[in-house]
Amino acid sequence: MAGALLTPCIGVCTMNPRGLCDGCHRTLDEIATWSQMDDARRQHLMDEVLPTREADAP
């Protein structure tokens, strides 16, 4: 049995003018391909990319 898919989604699914989700800070492309990414790529985004985007948010 496979485990749950790791996701940064918090249910605030609106896109801002920068093209990022206001809730999880992913792009539409990242959201659309999330389930096809390998665990290492998802973990990299969650640990490195998304926190940086959140910190840079206005």
PDB file of N, CA and C in Angstrom:
ATOM      1  N   MET A   1       0.843  -1.172   0.000  1.00  0.00           N
ATOM      2  CA  MET A   1       0.000   0.000   0.000  1.00  0.00           C
ATOM      3  C   MET A   1       0.890   1.237   0.000  1.00  0.00           C
ATOM      4  N   ALA A   2       0.572   2.186  -0.846  1.00  0.00           N
ATOM      5  CA  ALA A   2       1.338   3.421  -0.937  1.00  0.00           C
ATOM      6  C   ALA A   2       0.928   4.368   0.181  1.00  0.00           C
ATOM      7  N   GLY A   3       1.892   5.190   0.620  1.00  0.00           N
ATOM      8  CA  GLY A   3       1.608   6.179   1.653  1.00  0.00           C
ATOM      9  C   GLY A   3       0.906   7.382   1.055  1.00  0.00           C
ATOM     10  N   ALA A   4       0.532   8.283   1.929  1.00  0.00           N
ATOM     11  CA  ALA A   4      -0.125   9.511   1.490  1.00  0.00           C
ATOM     12  C   ALA A   4       0.868  10.369   0.708  1.00  0.00           C
ATOM     13  N   LEU A   5       0.366  11.075  -0.271  1.00  0.00           N
ATOM     14  CA  LEU A   5       1.184  11.948  -1.089  1.00  0.00           C
ATOM     15  C   LEU A   5       1.493  13.220  -0.306  1.00  0.00           C
ATOM     16  N   LEU A   6       2.759  13.504  -0.110  1.00  0.00           N
ATOM     17  CA  LEU A   6       3.197  14.707   0.579  1.00  0.00           C
ATOM     18  C   LEU A   6       2.827  15.925  -0.244  1.00  0.00           C
ATOM     19  N   THR A   7       2.170  16.897   0.377  1.00  0.00           N
ATOM     20  CA  THR A   7       1.740  18.087  -0.342  1.00  0.00           C
ATOM     21  C   THR A   7       1.751  19.301   0.581  1.00  0.00           C
ATOM     22  N   PRO A   8       2.078  20.477   0.039  1.00  0.00           N
ATOM     23  CA  PRO A   8       2.038  21.702   0.837  1.00  0.00           C
ATOM     24  C   PRO A   8       0.670  22.376   0.817  1.00  0.00           C
ATOM     25  N   CYS A   9      -0.300  21.788   0.145  1.00  0.00           N
ATOM     26  CA  CYS A   9      -1.618  22.403   0.006  1.00  0.00           C
ATOM     27  C   CYS A   9      -2.267  22.601   1.375  1.00  0.00           C
ATOM     28  N   ILE A  10      -2.784  23.839   1.596  1.00  0.00           N
ATOM     29  CA  ILE A  10      -3.495  24.131   2.840  1.00  0.00           C
ATOM     30  C   ILE A  10      -4.944  24.511   2.566  1.00  0.00           C
ATOM     31  N   GLY A  11      -5.381  24.326   1.312  1.00  0.00           N
ATOM     32  CA  GLY A  11      -6.773  24.574   0.968  1.00  0.00           C
ATOM     33  C   GLY A  11      -7.107  26.023   0.659  1.00  0.00           C
ATOM     34  N   VAL A  12      -6.097  26.863   0.507  1.00  0.00           N
ATOM     35  CA  VAL A  12      -6.305  28.261   0.109  1.00  0.00           C
ATOM     36  C   VAL A  12      -5.851  28.342  -1.349  1.00  0.00           C
ATOM     37  N   CYS A  13      -6.742  27.998  -2.242  1.00  0.00           N
ATOM     38  CA  CYS A  13      -6.376  27.786  -3.642  1.00  0.00           C
ATOM     39  C   CYS A  13      -6.764  28.969  -4.529  1.00  0.00           C
ATOM     40  N   THR A  14      -6.048  30.057  -4.372  1.00  0.00           N
ATOM     41  CA  THR A  14      -6.233  31.226  -5.237  1.00  0.00           C
ATOM     42  C   THR A  14      -4.869  31.627  -5.766  1.00  0.00           C
ATOM     43  N   MET A  15      -4.843  32.029  -7.030  1.00  0.00           N
ATOM     44  CA  MET A  15      -3.589  32.420  -7.659  1.00  0.00           C
ATOM     45  C   MET A  15      -3.409  33.930  -7.535  1.00  0.00           C
ATOM     46  N   ASN A  16      -2.204  34.348  -7.179  1.00  0.00           N
ATOM     47  CA  ASN A  16      -1.918  35.774  -7.049  1.00  0.00           C
ATOM     48  C   ASN A  16      -1.338  36.316  -8.363  1.00  0.00           C
ATOM     49  N   PRO A  17      -1.146  37.625  -8.470  1.00  0.00           N
ATOM     50  CA  PRO A  17      -0.626  38.209  -9.710  1.00  0.00           C
ATOM     51  C   PRO A  17       0.773  37.717 -10.096  1.00  0.00           C
ATOM     52  N   ARG A  18       1.520  37.180  -9.134  1.00  0.00           N
ATOM     53  CA  ARG A  18       2.848  36.634  -9.437  1.00  0.00           C
ATOM     54  C   ARG A  18       2.762  35.237 -10.042  1.00  0.00           C
ATOM     55  N   GLY A  19       1.549  34.678 -10.131  1.00  0.00           N
ATOM     56  CA  GLY A  19       1.377  33.339 -10.697  1.00  0.00           C
ATOM     57  C   GLY A  19       1.619  32.232  -9.689  1.00  0.00           C
ATOM     58  N   LEU A  20       1.504  32.573  -8.402  1.00  0.00           N
ATOM     59  CA  LEU A  20       1.709  31.599  -7.339  1.00  0.00           C
ATOM     60  C   LEU A  20       0.434  31.443  -6.530  1.00  0.00           C
ATOM     61  N   CYS A  21       0.208  30.252  -6.028  1.00  0.00           N
ATOM     62  CA  CYS A  21      -0.935  30.005  -5.155  1.00  0.00           C
ATOM     63  C   CYS A  21      -0.718  30.760  -3.845  1.00  0.00           C
ATOM     64  N   ASP A  22      -1.746  31.454  -3.376  1.00  0.00           N
ATOM     65  CA  ASP A  22      -1.648  32.187  -2.116  1.00  0.00           C
ATOM     66  C   ASP A  22      -1.473  31.257  -0.917  1.00  0.00           C
ATOM     67  N   GLY A  23      -1.917  30.027  -1.026  1.00  0.00           N
ATOM     68  CA  GLY A  23      -1.811  29.095   0.091  1.00  0.00           C
ATOM     69  C   GLY A  23      -0.491  28.353   0.150  1.00  0.00           C
ATOM     70  N   CYS A  24      -0.095  27.742  -0.945  1.00  0.00           N
ATOM     71  CA  CYS A  24       1.088  26.871  -0.922  1.00  0.00           C
ATOM     72  C   CYS A  24       2.297  27.435  -1.676  1.00  0.00           C
ATOM     73  N   HIS A  25       2.104  28.518  -2.415  1.00  0.00           N
ATOM     74  CA  HIS A  25       3.185  29.203  -3.137  1.00  0.00           C
ATOM     75  C   HIS A  25       3.728  28.404  -4.322  1.00  0.00           C
ATOM     76  N   ARG A  26       2.931  27.437  -4.807  1.00  0.00           N
ATOM     77  CA  ARG A  26       3.337  26.702  -6.009  1.00  0.00           C
ATOM     78  C   ARG A  26       2.799  27.397  -7.244  1.00  0.00           C
ATOM     79  N   THR A  27       3.458  27.140  -8.384  1.00  0.00           N
ATOM     80  CA  THR A  27       2.957  27.616  -9.668  1.00  0.00           C
ATOM     81  C   THR A  27       1.866  26.657 -10.146  1.00  0.00           C
ATOM     82  N   LEU A  28       1.103  27.089 -11.138  1.00  0.00           N
ATOM     83  CA  LEU A  28       0.080  26.190 -11.707  1.00  0.00           C
ATOM     84  C   LEU A  28       0.718  24.928 -12.256  1.00  0.00           C
ATOM     85  N   ASP A  29       1.881  25.053 -12.904  1.00  0.00           N
ATOM     86  CA  ASP A  29       2.573  23.884 -13.447  1.00  0.00           C
ATOM     87  C   ASP A  29       2.985  22.931 -12.323  1.00  0.00           C
ATOM     88  N   GLU A  30       3.503  23.461 -11.232  1.00  0.00           N
ATOM     89  CA  GLU A  30       3.889  22.608 -10.101  1.00  0.00           C
ATOM     90  C   GLU A  30       2.672  21.913  -9.502  1.00  0.00           C
ATOM     91  N   ILE A  31       1.574  22.617  -9.397  1.00  0.00           N
ATOM     92  CA  ILE A  31       0.346  22.012  -8.867  1.00  0.00           C
ATOM     93  C   ILE A  31      -0.129  20.894  -9.797  1.00  0.00           C
ATOM     94  N   ALA A  32      -0.124  21.170 -11.091  1.00  0.00           N
ATOM     95  CA  ALA A  32      -0.627  20.203 -12.075  1.00  0.00           C
ATOM     96  C   ALA A  32       0.240  18.946 -12.152  1.00  0.00           C
ATOM     97  N   THR A  33       1.544  19.082 -11.939  1.00  0.00           N
ATOM     98  CA  THR A  33       2.444  17.927 -12.083  1.00  0.00           C
ATOM     99  C   THR A  33       2.877  17.327 -10.753  1.00  0.00           C
ATOM    100  N   TRP A  34       2.352  17.840  -9.649  1.00  0.00           N
ATOM    101  CA  TRP A  34       2.781  17.407  -8.320  1.00  0.00           C
ATOM    102  C   TRP A  34       2.712  15.894  -8.146  1.00  0.00           C
ATOM    103  N   SER A  35       1.630  15.288  -8.553  1.00  0.00           N
ATOM    104  CA  SER A  35       1.468  13.840  -8.334  1.00  0.00           C
ATOM    105  C   SER A  35       2.390  12.999  -9.218  1.00  0.00           C
ATOM    106  N   GLN A  36       2.952  13.591 -10.266  1.00  0.00           N
ATOM    107  CA  GLN A  36       3.883  12.863 -11.124  1.00  0.00           C
ATOM    108  C   GLN A  36       5.349  13.064 -10.718  1.00  0.00           C
ATOM    109  N   MET A  37       5.600  14.042  -9.846  1.00  0.00           N
ATOM    110  CA  MET A  37       6.972  14.289  -9.383  1.00  0.00           C
ATOM    111  C   MET A  37       7.420  13.154  -8.475  1.00  0.00           C
ATOM    112  N   ASP A  38       8.738  12.909  -8.466  1.00  0.00           N
ATOM    113  CA  ASP A  38       9.237  11.915  -7.520  1.00  0.00           C
ATOM    114  C   ASP A  38       9.344  12.561  -6.129  1.00  0.00           C
ATOM    115  N   ASP A  39       9.471  11.729  -5.121  1.00  0.00           N
ATOM    116  CA  ASP A  39       9.494  12.216  -3.743  1.00  0.00           C
ATOM    117  C   ASP A  39      10.621  13.210  -3.504  1.00  0.00           C
ATOM    118  N   ALA A  40      11.779  12.979  -4.112  1.00  0.00           N
ATOM    119  CA  ALA A  40      12.919  13.869  -3.911  1.00  0.00           C
ATOM    120  C   ALA A  40      12.625  15.266  -4.442  1.00  0.00           C
ATOM    121  N   ARG A  41      11.982  15.355  -5.602  1.00  0.00           N
ATOM    122  CA  ARG A  41      11.643  16.657  -6.185  1.00  0.00           C
ATOM    123  C   ARG A  41      10.614  17.379  -5.316  1.00  0.00           C
ATOM    124  N   ARG A  42       9.588  16.668  -4.878  1.00  0.00           N
ATOM    125  CA  ARG A  42       8.579  17.282  -4.009  1.00  0.00           C
ATOM    126  C   ARG A  42       9.216  17.771  -2.708  1.00  0.00           C
ATOM    127  N   GLN A  43      10.074  16.954  -2.112  1.00  0.00           N
ATOM    128  CA  GLN A  43      10.719  17.337  -0.856  1.00  0.00           C
ATOM    129  C   GLN A  43      11.615  18.556  -1.057  1.00  0.00           C
ATOM    130  N   HIS A  44      12.335  18.621  -2.166  1.00  0.00           N
ATOM    131  CA  HIS A  44      13.179  19.785  -2.469  1.00  0.00           C
ATOM    132  C   HIS A  44      12.328  21.049  -2.560  1.00  0.00           C
ATOM    133  N   LEU A  45      11.224  20.969  -3.274  1.00  0.00           N
ATOM    134  CA  LEU A  45      10.344  22.132  -3.390  1.00  0.00           C
ATOM    135  C   LEU A  45       9.828  22.563  -2.022  1.00  0.00           C
ATOM    136  N   MET A  46       9.400  21.608  -1.216  1.00  0.00           N
ATOM    137  CA  MET A  46       8.830  21.942   0.091  1.00  0.00           C
ATOM    138  C   MET A  46       9.884  22.470   1.069  1.00  0.00           C
ATOM    139  N   ASP A  47      11.101  21.969   0.988  1.00  0.00           N
ATOM    140  CA  ASP A  47      12.149  22.369   1.935  1.00  0.00           C
ATOM    141  C   ASP A  47      12.902  23.625   1.519  1.00  0.00           C
ATOM    142  N   GLU A  48      13.063  23.826   0.215  1.00  0.00           N
ATOM    143  CA  GLU A  48      13.918  24.907  -0.271  1.00  0.00           C
ATOM    144  C   GLU A  48      13.172  25.995  -1.041  1.00  0.00           C
ATOM    145  N   VAL A  49      12.402  25.605  -2.040  1.00  0.00           N
ATOM    146  CA  VAL A  49      11.809  26.567  -2.976  1.00  0.00           C
ATOM    147  C   VAL A  49      10.604  27.293  -2.371  1.00  0.00           C
ATOM    148  N   LEU A  50       9.653  26.542  -1.869  1.00  0.00           N
ATOM    149  CA  LEU A  50       8.417  27.163  -1.373  1.00  0.00           C
ATOM    150  C   LEU A  50       8.648  28.086  -0.171  1.00  0.00           C
ATOM    151  N   PRO A  51       9.492  27.715   0.791  1.00  0.00           N
ATOM    152  CA  PRO A  51       9.747  28.659   1.896  1.00  0.00           C
ATOM    153  C   PRO A  51      10.382  29.971   1.417  1.00  0.00           C
ATOM    154  N   THR A  52      11.245  29.905   0.412  1.00  0.00           N
ATOM    155  CA  THR A  52      11.852  31.103  -0.133  1.00  0.00           C
ATOM    156  C   THR A  52      10.801  31.978  -0.795  1.00  0.00           C
ATOM    157  N   ARG A  53       9.914  31.361  -1.557  1.00  0.00           N
ATOM    158  CA  ARG A  53       8.825  32.110  -2.187  1.00  0.00           C
ATOM    159  C   ARG A  53       7.938  32.759  -1.135  1.00  0.00           C
ATOM    160  N   GLU A  54       7.631  32.025  -0.084  1.00  0.00           N
ATOM    161  CA  GLU A  54       6.776  32.562   0.973  1.00  0.00           C
ATOM    162  C   GLU A  54       7.457  33.759   1.642  1.00  0.00           C
ATOM    163  N   ALA A  55       8.747  33.656   1.900  1.00  0.00           N
ATOM    164  CA  ALA A  55       9.484  34.745   2.540  1.00  0.00           C
ATOM    165  C   ALA A  55       9.545  35.977   1.654  1.00  0.00           C
ATOM    166  N   ASP A  56       9.562  35.773   0.338  1.00  0.00           N
ATOM    167  CA  ASP A  56       9.633  36.885  -0.627  1.00  0.00           C
ATOM    168  C   ASP A  56       8.269  37.481  -0.957  1.00  0.00           C
ATOM    169  N   ALA A  57       7.204  36.861  -0.449  1.00  0.00           N
ATOM    170  CA  ALA A  57       5.856  37.338  -0.761  1.00  0.00           C
ATOM    171  C   ALA A  57       5.627  38.730  -0.153  1.00  0.00           C
ATOM    172  N   PRO A  58       4.932  39.582  -0.917  1.00  0.00           N
ATOM    173  CA  PRO A  58       4.655  40.932  -0.401  1.00  0.00           C
ATOM    174  C   PRO A  58       3.696  40.914   0.782  1.00  0.00           C
TER     175      PRO A  58
END
